[in-house]
Amino acid sequence: MDGRSVEEPLDLVRLSLEEKVLVKMRGDRQLEGTLHAYDQHMNMVLSNVVETLATVDVDDETGEELVKTAKRVLPMLYVRGDGVILVAPPHRA
């Protein structure tokens, strides 16, 4: 196997090392940052991370759903793999 071939799913993550990635997490969390390390459990180390947390509140009077998002920036983050749903290249606008 050469360094750029894909033979199993984790090879796609390996090809994203030192690249920006989008990580969708349980609990309506989304992380975008540079991937530095990972393991077979999808534990990861990311840097320059933007975390986005979406919350949905229901207005008691109208019953309307109000979606709020909160963002924070973290210089370095260890991500526990059991909360990871998806790892992908970031959205390109």
PDB file of N, CA and C in Angstrom:
ATOM      1  N   MET A   1       0.849  -1.177   0.000  1.00  0.00           N
ATOM      2  CA  MET A   1       0.000   0.000   0.000  1.00  0.00           C
ATOM      3  C   MET A   1       0.894   1.240   0.000  1.00  0.00           C
ATOM      4  N   ASP A   2       0.669   2.146  -0.937  1.00  0.00           N
ATOM      5  CA  ASP A   2       1.440   3.390  -0.930  1.00  0.00           C
ATOM      6  C   ASP A   2       0.765   4.394   0.010  1.00  0.00           C
ATOM      7  N   GLY A   3       1.394   5.515   0.256  1.00  0.00           N
ATOM      8  CA  GLY A   3       0.915   6.487   1.229  1.00  0.00           C
ATOM      9  C   GLY A   3      -0.380   7.181   0.860  1.00  0.00           C
ATOM     10  N   ARG A   4      -0.798   7.137  -0.408  1.00  0.00           N
ATOM     11  CA  ARG A   4      -1.995   7.861  -0.833  1.00  0.00           C
ATOM     12  C   ARG A   4      -3.157   6.942  -1.220  1.00  0.00           C
ATOM     13  N   SER A   5      -3.016   5.630  -1.081  1.00  0.00           N
ATOM     14  CA  SER A   5      -4.095   4.735  -1.498  1.00  0.00           C
ATOM     15  C   SER A   5      -5.107   4.549  -0.365  1.00  0.00           C
ATOM     16  N   VAL A   6      -6.315   4.163  -0.753  1.00  0.00           N
ATOM     17  CA  VAL A   6      -7.398   3.954   0.201  1.00  0.00           C
ATOM     18  C   VAL A   6      -7.836   2.503   0.116  1.00  0.00           C
ATOM     19  N   GLU A   7      -7.632   1.770   1.209  1.00  0.00           N
ATOM     20  CA  GLU A   7      -8.043   0.371   1.255  1.00  0.00           C
ATOM     21  C   GLU A   7      -9.088   0.117   2.332  1.00  0.00           C
ATOM     22  N   GLU A   8      -9.193   1.007   3.302  1.00  0.00           N
ATOM     23  CA  GLU A   8     -10.194   0.875   4.356  1.00  0.00           C
ATOM     24  C   GLU A   8     -10.649   2.268   4.760  1.00  0.00           C
ATOM     25  N   PRO A   9     -11.795   2.387   5.432  1.00  0.00           N
ATOM     26  CA  PRO A   9     -12.355   3.710   5.728  1.00  0.00           C
ATOM     27  C   PRO A   9     -11.418   4.657   6.482  1.00  0.00           C
ATOM     28  N   LEU A  10     -10.648   4.150   7.439  1.00  0.00           N
ATOM     29  CA  LEU A  10      -9.760   5.043   8.191  1.00  0.00           C
ATOM     30  C   LEU A  10      -8.644   5.618   7.329  1.00  0.00           C
ATOM     31  N   ASP A  11      -8.384   5.015   6.162  1.00  0.00           N
ATOM     32  CA  ASP A  11      -7.391   5.584   5.247  1.00  0.00           C
ATOM     33  C   ASP A  11      -7.822   6.967   4.770  1.00  0.00           C
ATOM     34  N   LEU A  12      -9.124   7.192   4.639  1.00  0.00           N
ATOM     35  CA  LEU A  12      -9.611   8.516   4.240  1.00  0.00           C
ATOM     36  C   LEU A  12      -9.290   9.556   5.306  1.00  0.00           C
ATOM     37  N   VAL A  13      -9.380   9.159   6.570  1.00  0.00           N
ATOM     38  CA  VAL A  13      -9.027  10.072   7.655  1.00  0.00           C
ATOM     39  C   VAL A  13      -7.519  10.309   7.645  1.00  0.00           C
ATOM     40  N   ARG A  14      -6.735   9.257   7.418  1.00  0.00           N
ATOM     41  CA  ARG A  14      -5.272   9.397   7.361  1.00  0.00           C
ATOM     42  C   ARG A  14      -4.861  10.416   6.300  1.00  0.00           C
ATOM     43  N   LEU A  15      -5.549  10.414   5.173  1.00  0.00           N
ATOM     44  CA  LEU A  15      -5.224  11.356   4.101  1.00  0.00           C
ATOM     45  C   LEU A  15      -5.569  12.797   4.476  1.00  0.00           C
ATOM     46  N   SER A  16      -6.336  12.981   5.555  1.00  0.00           N
ATOM     47  CA  SER A  16      -6.713  14.324   6.005  1.00  0.00           C
ATOM     48  C   SER A  16      -5.802  14.866   7.102  1.00  0.00           C
ATOM     49  N   LEU A  17      -4.764  14.115   7.479  1.00  0.00           N
ATOM     50  CA  LEU A  17      -3.832  14.607   8.501  1.00  0.00           C
ATOM     51  C   LEU A  17      -3.209  15.919   8.053  1.00  0.00           C
ATOM     52  N   GLU A  18      -3.099  16.851   8.989  1.00  0.00           N
ATOM     53  CA  GLU A  18      -2.553  18.193   8.762  1.00  0.00           C
ATOM     54  C   GLU A  18      -3.409  19.008   7.789  1.00  0.00           C
ATOM     55  N   GLU A  19      -4.665  18.594   7.602  1.00  0.00           N
ATOM     56  CA  GLU A  19      -5.620  19.321   6.755  1.00  0.00           C
ATOM     57  C   GLU A  19      -6.799  19.753   7.622  1.00  0.00           C
ATOM     58  N   LYS A  20      -7.559  20.737   7.128  1.00  0.00           N
ATOM     59  CA  LYS A  20      -8.784  21.134   7.815  1.00  0.00           C
ATOM     60  C   LYS A  20      -9.839  20.056   7.626  1.00  0.00           C
ATOM     61  N   VAL A  21     -10.575  19.750   8.698  1.00  0.00           N
ATOM     62  CA  VAL A  21     -11.660  18.771   8.636  1.00  0.00           C
ATOM     63  C   VAL A  21     -12.888  19.322   9.362  1.00  0.00           C
ATOM     64  N   LEU A  22     -14.031  18.780   8.996  1.00  0.00           N
ATOM     65  CA  LEU A  22     -15.290  19.057   9.666  1.00  0.00           C
ATOM     66  C   LEU A  22     -15.666  17.797  10.431  1.00  0.00           C
ATOM     67  N   VAL A  23     -15.943  17.936  11.727  1.00  0.00           N
ATOM     68  CA  VAL A  23     -16.307  16.789  12.561  1.00  0.00           C
ATOM     69  C   VAL A  23     -17.692  17.055  13.134  1.00  0.00           C
ATOM     70  N   LYS A  24     -18.651  16.212  12.783  1.00  0.00           N
ATOM     71  CA  LYS A  24     -19.991  16.317  13.368  1.00  0.00           C
ATOM     72  C   LYS A  24     -20.032  15.394  14.577  1.00  0.00           C
ATOM     73  N   MET A  25     -20.575  15.933  15.669  1.00  0.00           N
ATOM     74  CA  MET A  25     -20.591  15.240  16.948  1.00  0.00           C
ATOM     75  C   MET A  25     -22.025  15.030  17.423  1.00  0.00           C
ATOM     76  N   ARG A  26     -22.173  14.127  18.389  1.00  0.00           N
ATOM     77  CA  ARG A  26     -23.473  13.973  19.044  1.00  0.00           C
ATOM     78  C   ARG A  26     -23.838  15.276  19.738  1.00  0.00           C
ATOM     79  N   GLY A  27     -25.116  15.477  19.968  1.00  0.00           N
ATOM     80  CA  GLY A  27     -25.558  16.655  20.712  1.00  0.00           C
ATOM     81  C   GLY A  27     -25.549  17.919  19.886  1.00  0.00           C
ATOM     82  N   ASP A  28     -25.708  17.808  18.575  1.00  0.00           N
ATOM     83  CA  ASP A  28     -25.763  18.972  17.677  1.00  0.00           C
ATOM     84  C   ASP A  28     -24.527  19.862  17.787  1.00  0.00           C
ATOM     85  N   ARG A  29     -23.364  19.229  17.947  1.00  0.00           N
ATOM     86  CA  ARG A  29     -22.095  19.958  17.958  1.00  0.00           C
ATOM     87  C   ARG A  29     -21.377  19.721  16.647  1.00  0.00           C
ATOM     88  N   GLN A  30     -20.657  20.714  16.209  1.00  0.00           N
ATOM     89  CA  GLN A  30     -19.873  20.610  14.984  1.00  0.00           C
ATOM     90  C   GLN A  30     -18.524  21.276  15.236  1.00  0.00           C
ATOM     91  N   LEU A  31     -17.458  20.605  14.829  1.00  0.00           N
ATOM     92  CA  LEU A  31     -16.109  21.126  15.006  1.00  0.00           C
ATOM     93  C   LEU A  31     -15.466  21.293  13.640  1.00  0.00           C
ATOM     94  N   GLU A  32     -14.725  22.369  13.473  1.00  0.00           N
ATOM     95  CA  GLU A  32     -13.947  22.554  12.258  1.00  0.00           C
ATOM     96  C   GLU A  32     -12.554  22.993  12.682  1.00  0.00           C
ATOM     97  N   GLY A  33     -11.545  22.211  12.269  1.00  0.00           N
ATOM     98  CA  GLY A  33     -10.181  22.524  12.657  1.00  0.00           C
ATOM     99  C   GLY A  33      -9.191  21.661  11.903  1.00  0.00           C
ATOM    100  N   THR A  34      -7.922  21.806  12.238  1.00  0.00           N
ATOM    101  CA  THR A  34      -6.853  21.060  11.581  1.00  0.00           C
ATOM    102  C   THR A  34      -6.600  19.768  12.343  1.00  0.00           C
ATOM    103  N   LEU A  35      -6.648  18.644  11.624  1.00  0.00           N
ATOM    104  CA  LEU A  35      -6.459  17.322  12.220  1.00  0.00           C
ATOM    105  C   LEU A  35      -4.971  17.024  12.360  1.00  0.00           C
ATOM    106  N   HIS A  36      -4.532  16.724  13.591  1.00  0.00           N
ATOM    107  CA  HIS A  36      -3.122  16.405  13.831  1.00  0.00           C
ATOM    108  C   HIS A  36      -2.896  14.936  14.164  1.00  0.00           C
ATOM    109  N   ALA A  37      -3.867  14.287  14.800  1.00  0.00           N
ATOM    110  CA  ALA A  37      -3.705  12.878  15.174  1.00  0.00           C
ATOM    111  C   ALA A  37      -5.073  12.249  15.357  1.00  0.00           C
ATOM    112  N   TYR A  38      -5.122  10.915  15.192  1.00  0.00           N
ATOM    113  CA  TYR A  38      -6.350  10.157  15.413  1.00  0.00           C
ATOM    114  C   TYR A  38      -5.962   8.713  15.707  1.00  0.00           C
ATOM    115  N   ASP A  39      -6.919   7.934  16.200  1.00  0.00           N
ATOM    116  CA  ASP A  39      -6.685   6.503  16.385  1.00  0.00           C
ATOM    117  C   ASP A  39      -7.893   5.720  15.883  1.00  0.00           C
ATOM    118  N   GLN A  40      -7.868   4.406  16.071  1.00  0.00           N
ATOM    119  CA  GLN A  40      -8.921   3.552  15.524  1.00  0.00           C
ATOM    120  C   GLN A  40     -10.273   3.786  16.190  1.00  0.00           C
ATOM    121  N   HIS A  41     -10.290   4.455  17.347  1.00  0.00           N
ATOM    122  CA  HIS A  41     -11.539   4.765  18.045  1.00  0.00           C
ATOM    123  C   HIS A  41     -12.084   6.132  17.644  1.00  0.00           C
ATOM    124  N   MET A  42     -11.386   6.816  16.740  1.00  0.00           N
ATOM    125  CA  MET A  42     -11.708   8.163  16.271  1.00  0.00           C
ATOM    126  C   MET A  42     -11.474   9.228  17.337  1.00  0.00           C
ATOM    127  N   ASN A  43     -10.657   8.911  18.362  1.00  0.00           N
ATOM    128  CA  ASN A  43     -10.143   9.962  19.227  1.00  0.00           C
ATOM    129  C   ASN A  43      -9.266  10.824  18.334  1.00  0.00           C
ATOM    130  N   MET A  44      -9.353  12.141  18.487  1.00  0.00           N
ATOM    131  CA  MET A  44      -8.615  13.038  17.598  1.00  0.00           C
ATOM    132  C   MET A  44      -8.020  14.210  18.360  1.00  0.00           C
ATOM    133  N   VAL A  45      -6.960  14.766  17.798  1.00  0.00           N
ATOM    134  CA  VAL A  45      -6.395  16.022  18.268  1.00  0.00           C
ATOM    135  C   VAL A  45      -6.545  17.016  17.128  1.00  0.00           C
ATOM    136  N   LEU A  46      -7.231  18.140  17.418  1.00  0.00           N
ATOM    137  CA  LEU A  46      -7.468  19.193  16.434  1.00  0.00           C
ATOM    138  C   LEU A  46      -6.894  20.502  16.952  1.00  0.00           C
ATOM    139  N   SER A  47      -6.457  21.357  16.038  1.00  0.00           N
ATOM    140  CA  SER A  47      -6.018  22.698  16.426  1.00  0.00           C
ATOM    141  C   SER A  47      -6.831  23.732  15.661  1.00  0.00           C
ATOM    142  N   ASN A  48      -6.773  24.976  16.143  1.00  0.00           N
ATOM    143  CA  ASN A  48      -7.509  26.089  15.531  1.00  0.00           C
ATOM    144  C   ASN A  48      -8.962  25.696  15.289  1.00  0.00           C
ATOM    145  N   VAL A  49      -9.624  25.275  16.353  1.00  0.00           N
ATOM    146  CA  VAL A  49     -10.962  24.692  16.263  1.00  0.00           C
ATOM    147  C   VAL A  49     -12.041  25.757  16.449  1.00  0.00           C
ATOM    148  N   VAL A  50     -13.039  25.706  15.570  1.00  0.00           N
ATOM    149  CA  VAL A  50     -14.262  26.484  15.755  1.00  0.00           C
ATOM    150  C   VAL A  50     -15.352  25.479  16.098  1.00  0.00           C
ATOM    151  N   GLU A  51     -15.887  25.585  17.313  1.00  0.00           N
ATOM    152  CA  GLU A  51     -16.964  24.699  17.754  1.00  0.00           C
ATOM    153  C   GLU A  51     -18.283  25.438  17.604  1.00  0.00           C
ATOM    154  N   THR A  52     -19.255  24.795  16.974  1.00  0.00           N
ATOM    155  CA  THR A  52     -20.590  25.363  16.812  1.00  0.00           C
ATOM    156  C   THR A  52     -21.579  24.449  17.513  1.00  0.00           C
ATOM    157  N   LEU A  53     -22.370  25.022  18.400  1.00  0.00           N
ATOM    158  CA  LEU A  53     -23.371  24.272  19.152  1.00  0.00           C
ATOM    159  C   LEU A  53     -24.742  24.834  18.807  1.00  0.00           C
ATOM    160  N   ALA A  54     -25.630  23.980  18.321  1.00  0.00           N
ATOM    161  CA  ALA A  54     -26.992  24.399  17.974  1.00  0.00           C
ATOM    162  C   ALA A  54     -27.947  23.951  19.070  1.00  0.00           C
ATOM    163  N   THR A  55     -28.819  24.873  19.494  1.00  0.00           N
ATOM    164  CA  THR A  55     -29.849  24.541  20.474  1.00  0.00           C
ATOM    165  C   THR A  55     -31.205  24.955  19.915  1.00  0.00           C
ATOM    166  N   VAL A  56     -32.219  24.178  20.236  1.00  0.00           N
ATOM    167  CA  VAL A  56     -33.579  24.471  19.777  1.00  0.00           C
ATOM    168  C   VAL A  56     -34.447  24.718  21.002  1.00  0.00           C
ATOM    169  N   ASP A  57     -35.048  25.897  21.053  1.00  0.00           N
ATOM    170  CA  ASP A  57     -35.996  26.243  22.111  1.00  0.00           C
ATOM    171  C   ASP A  57     -37.375  26.383  21.481  1.00  0.00           C
ATOM    172  N   VAL A  58     -38.404  26.012  22.229  1.00  0.00           N
ATOM    173  CA  VAL A  58     -39.779  26.151  21.747  1.00  0.00           C
ATOM    174  C   VAL A  58     -40.429  27.304  22.496  1.00  0.00           C
ATOM    175  N   ASP A  59     -40.960  28.271  21.731  1.00  0.00           N
ATOM    176  CA  ASP A  59     -41.667  29.408  22.307  1.00  0.00           C
ATOM    177  C   ASP A  59     -42.969  28.894  22.916  1.00  0.00           C
ATOM    178  N   ASP A  60     -43.176  29.139  24.219  1.00  0.00           N
ATOM    179  CA  ASP A  60     -44.358  28.629  24.912  1.00  0.00           C
ATOM    180  C   ASP A  60     -45.662  29.212  24.362  1.00  0.00           C
ATOM    181  N   GLU A  61     -45.623  30.460  23.918  1.00  0.00           N
ATOM    182  CA  GLU A  61     -46.843  31.111  23.443  1.00  0.00           C
ATOM    183  C   GLU A  61     -47.224  30.677  22.034  1.00  0.00           C
ATOM    184  N   THR A  62     -46.253  30.624  21.138  1.00  0.00           N
ATOM    185  CA  THR A  62     -46.559  30.339  19.729  1.00  0.00           C
ATOM    186  C   THR A  62     -46.271  28.894  19.340  1.00  0.00           C
ATOM    187  N   GLY A  63     -45.484  28.190  20.138  1.00  0.00           N
ATOM    188  CA  GLY A  63     -45.098  26.823  19.778  1.00  0.00           C
ATOM    189  C   GLY A  63     -44.037  26.780  18.691  1.00  0.00           C
ATOM    190  N   GLU A  64     -43.518  27.941  18.341  1.00  0.00           N
ATOM    191  CA  GLU A  64     -42.516  28.046  17.278  1.00  0.00           C
ATOM    192  C   GLU A  64     -41.142  27.614  17.790  1.00  0.00           C
ATOM    193  N   GLU A  65     -40.418  26.882  16.941  1.00  0.00           N
ATOM    194  CA  GLU A  65     -39.066  26.454  17.302  1.00  0.00           C
ATOM    195  C   GLU A  65     -38.075  27.569  16.995  1.00  0.00           C
ATOM    196  N   LEU A  66     -37.252  27.891  17.963  1.00  0.00           N
ATOM    197  CA  LEU A  66     -36.227  28.914  17.799  1.00  0.00           C
ATOM    198  C   LEU A  66     -34.867  28.231  17.848  1.00  0.00           C
ATOM    199  N   VAL A  67     -34.146  28.283  16.744  1.00  0.00           N
ATOM    200  CA  VAL A  67     -32.829  27.653  16.671  1.00  0.00           C
ATOM    201  C   VAL A  67     -31.771  28.709  16.979  1.00  0.00           C
ATOM    202  N   LYS A  68     -30.943  28.419  17.959  1.00  0.00           N
ATOM    203  CA  LYS A  68     -29.858  29.329  18.332  1.00  0.00           C
ATOM    204  C   LYS A  68     -28.540  28.601  18.144  1.00  0.00           C
ATOM    205  N   THR A  69     -27.535  29.316  17.681  1.00  0.00           N
ATOM    206  CA  THR A  69     -26.208  28.723  17.558  1.00  0.00           C
ATOM    207  C   THR A  69     -25.221  29.545  18.375  1.00  0.00           C
ATOM    208  N   ALA A  70     -24.313  28.842  19.002  1.00  0.00           N
ATOM    209  CA  ALA A  70     -23.245  29.483  19.766  1.00  0.00           C
ATOM    210  C   ALA A  70     -21.925  28.955  19.220  1.00  0.00           C
ATOM    211  N   LYS A  71     -20.955  29.845  19.098  1.00  0.00           N
ATOM    212  CA  LYS A  71     -19.638  29.447  18.585  1.00  0.00           C
ATOM    213  C   LYS A  71     -18.573  29.820  19.597  1.00  0.00           C
ATOM    214  N   ARG A  72     -17.520  29.005  19.606  1.00  0.00           N
ATOM    215  CA  ARG A  72     -16.332  29.357  20.377  1.00  0.00           C
ATOM    216  C   ARG A  72     -15.112  28.855  19.622  1.00  0.00           C
ATOM    217  N   VAL A  73     -13.997  29.509  19.855  1.00  0.00           N
ATOM    218  CA  VAL A  73     -12.740  29.167  19.187  1.00  0.00           C
ATOM    219  C   VAL A  73     -11.784  28.613  20.232  1.00  0.00           C
ATOM    220  N   LEU A  74     -11.177  27.461  19.901  1.00  0.00           N
ATOM    221  CA  LEU A  74     -10.250  26.795  20.817  1.00  0.00           C
ATOM    222  C   LEU A  74      -8.926  26.566  20.100  1.00  0.00           C
ATOM    223  N   PRO A  75      -7.802  26.875  20.740  1.00  0.00           N
ATOM    224  CA  PRO A  75      -6.514  26.691  20.064  1.00  0.00           C
ATOM    225  C   PRO A  75      -6.141  25.224  19.863  1.00  0.00           C
ATOM    226  N   MET A  76      -6.530  24.341  20.796  1.00  0.00           N
ATOM    227  CA  MET A  76      -6.196  22.918  20.702  1.00  0.00           C
ATOM    228  C   MET A  76      -7.306  22.141  21.410  1.00  0.00           C
ATOM    229  N   LEU A  77      -7.677  20.988  20.840  1.00  0.00           N
ATOM    230  CA  LEU A  77      -8.781  20.220  21.406  1.00  0.00           C
ATOM    231  C   LEU A  77      -8.540  18.733  21.218  1.00  0.00           C
ATOM    232  N   TYR A  78      -8.765  17.962  22.287  1.00  0.00           N
ATOM    233  CA  TYR A  78      -8.773  16.500  22.207  1.00  0.00           C
ATOM    234  C   TYR A  78     -10.233  16.088  22.095  1.00  0.00           C
ATOM    235  N   VAL A  79     -10.563  15.294  21.088  1.00  0.00           N
ATOM    236  CA  VAL A  79     -11.940  14.863  20.850  1.00  0.00           C
ATOM    237  C   VAL A  79     -12.052  13.382  21.179  1.00  0.00           C
ATOM    238  N   ARG A  80     -12.971  13.038  22.057  1.00  0.00           N
ATOM    239  CA  ARG A  80     -13.200  11.630  22.382  1.00  0.00           C
ATOM    240  C   ARG A  80     -14.021  10.995  21.261  1.00  0.00           C
ATOM    241  N   GLY A  81     -13.554   9.871  20.768  1.00  0.00           N
ATOM    242  CA  GLY A  81     -14.115   9.259  19.573  1.00  0.00           C
ATOM    243  C   GLY A  81     -15.532   8.752  19.681  1.00  0.00           C
ATOM    244  N   ASP A  82     -16.017   8.428  20.889  1.00  0.00           N
ATOM    245  CA  ASP A  82     -17.369   7.866  20.967  1.00  0.00           C
ATOM    246  C   ASP A  82     -18.460   8.887  20.671  1.00  0.00           C
ATOM    247  N   GLY A  83     -18.106  10.163  20.605  1.00  0.00           N
ATOM    248  CA  GLY A  83     -19.082  11.192  20.251  1.00  0.00           C
ATOM    249  C   GLY A  83     -19.052  11.596  18.791  1.00  0.00           C
ATOM    250  N   VAL A  84     -18.118  11.027  18.026  1.00  0.00           N
ATOM    251  CA  VAL A  84     -17.953  11.415  16.620  1.00  0.00           C
ATOM    252  C   VAL A  84     -18.979  10.691  15.752  1.00  0.00           C
ATOM    253  N   ILE A  85     -19.662  11.447  14.904  1.00  0.00           N
ATOM    254  CA  ILE A  85     -20.617  10.886  13.949  1.00  0.00           C
ATOM    255  C   ILE A  85     -20.015  10.860  12.552  1.00  0.00           C
ATOM    256  N   LEU A  86     -19.306  11.928  12.175  1.00  0.00           N
ATOM    257  CA  LEU A  86     -18.829  12.067  10.804  1.00  0.00           C
ATOM    258  C   LEU A  86     -17.562  12.904  10.764  1.00  0.00           C
ATOM    259  N   VAL A  87     -16.630  12.534   9.895  1.00  0.00           N
ATOM    260  CA  VAL A  87     -15.431  13.334   9.629  1.00  0.00           C
ATOM    261  C   VAL A  87     -15.387  13.570   8.131  1.00  0.00           C
ATOM    262  N   ALA A  88     -15.267  14.839   7.724  1.00  0.00           N
ATOM    263  CA  ALA A  88     -15.305  15.171   6.295  1.00  0.00           C
ATOM    264  C   ALA A  88     -14.453  16.402   6.033  1.00  0.00           C
ATOM    265  N   PRO A  89     -14.115  16.647   4.760  1.00  0.00           N
ATOM    266  CA  PRO A  89     -13.484  17.925   4.428  1.00  0.00           C
ATOM    267  C   PRO A  89     -14.474  19.045   4.756  1.00  0.00           C
ATOM    268  N   PRO A  90     -13.993  20.246   5.082  1.00  0.00           N
ATOM    269  CA  PRO A  90     -14.915  21.334   5.439  1.00  0.00           C
ATOM    270  C   PRO A  90     -15.731  21.786   4.232  1.00  0.00           C
ATOM    271  N   HIS A  91     -16.853  22.455   4.513  1.00  0.00           N
ATOM    272  CA  HIS A  91     -17.703  22.995   3.450  1.00  0.00           C
ATOM    273  C   HIS A  91     -16.938  24.060   2.683  1.00  0.00           C
ATOM    274  N   ARG A  92     -17.067  24.043   1.394  1.00  0.00           N
ATOM    275  CA  ARG A  92     -16.454  25.082   0.555  1.00  0.00           C
ATOM    276  C   ARG A  92     -17.577  25.960   0.020  1.00  0.00           C
ATOM    277  N   ALA A  93     -17.491  27.259   0.281  1.00  0.00           N
ATOM    278  CA  ALA A  93     -18.556  28.164  -0.173  1.00  0.00           C
ATOM    279  C   ALA A  93     -18.182  28.835  -1.474  1.00  0.00           C
TER     280      ALA A  93
END
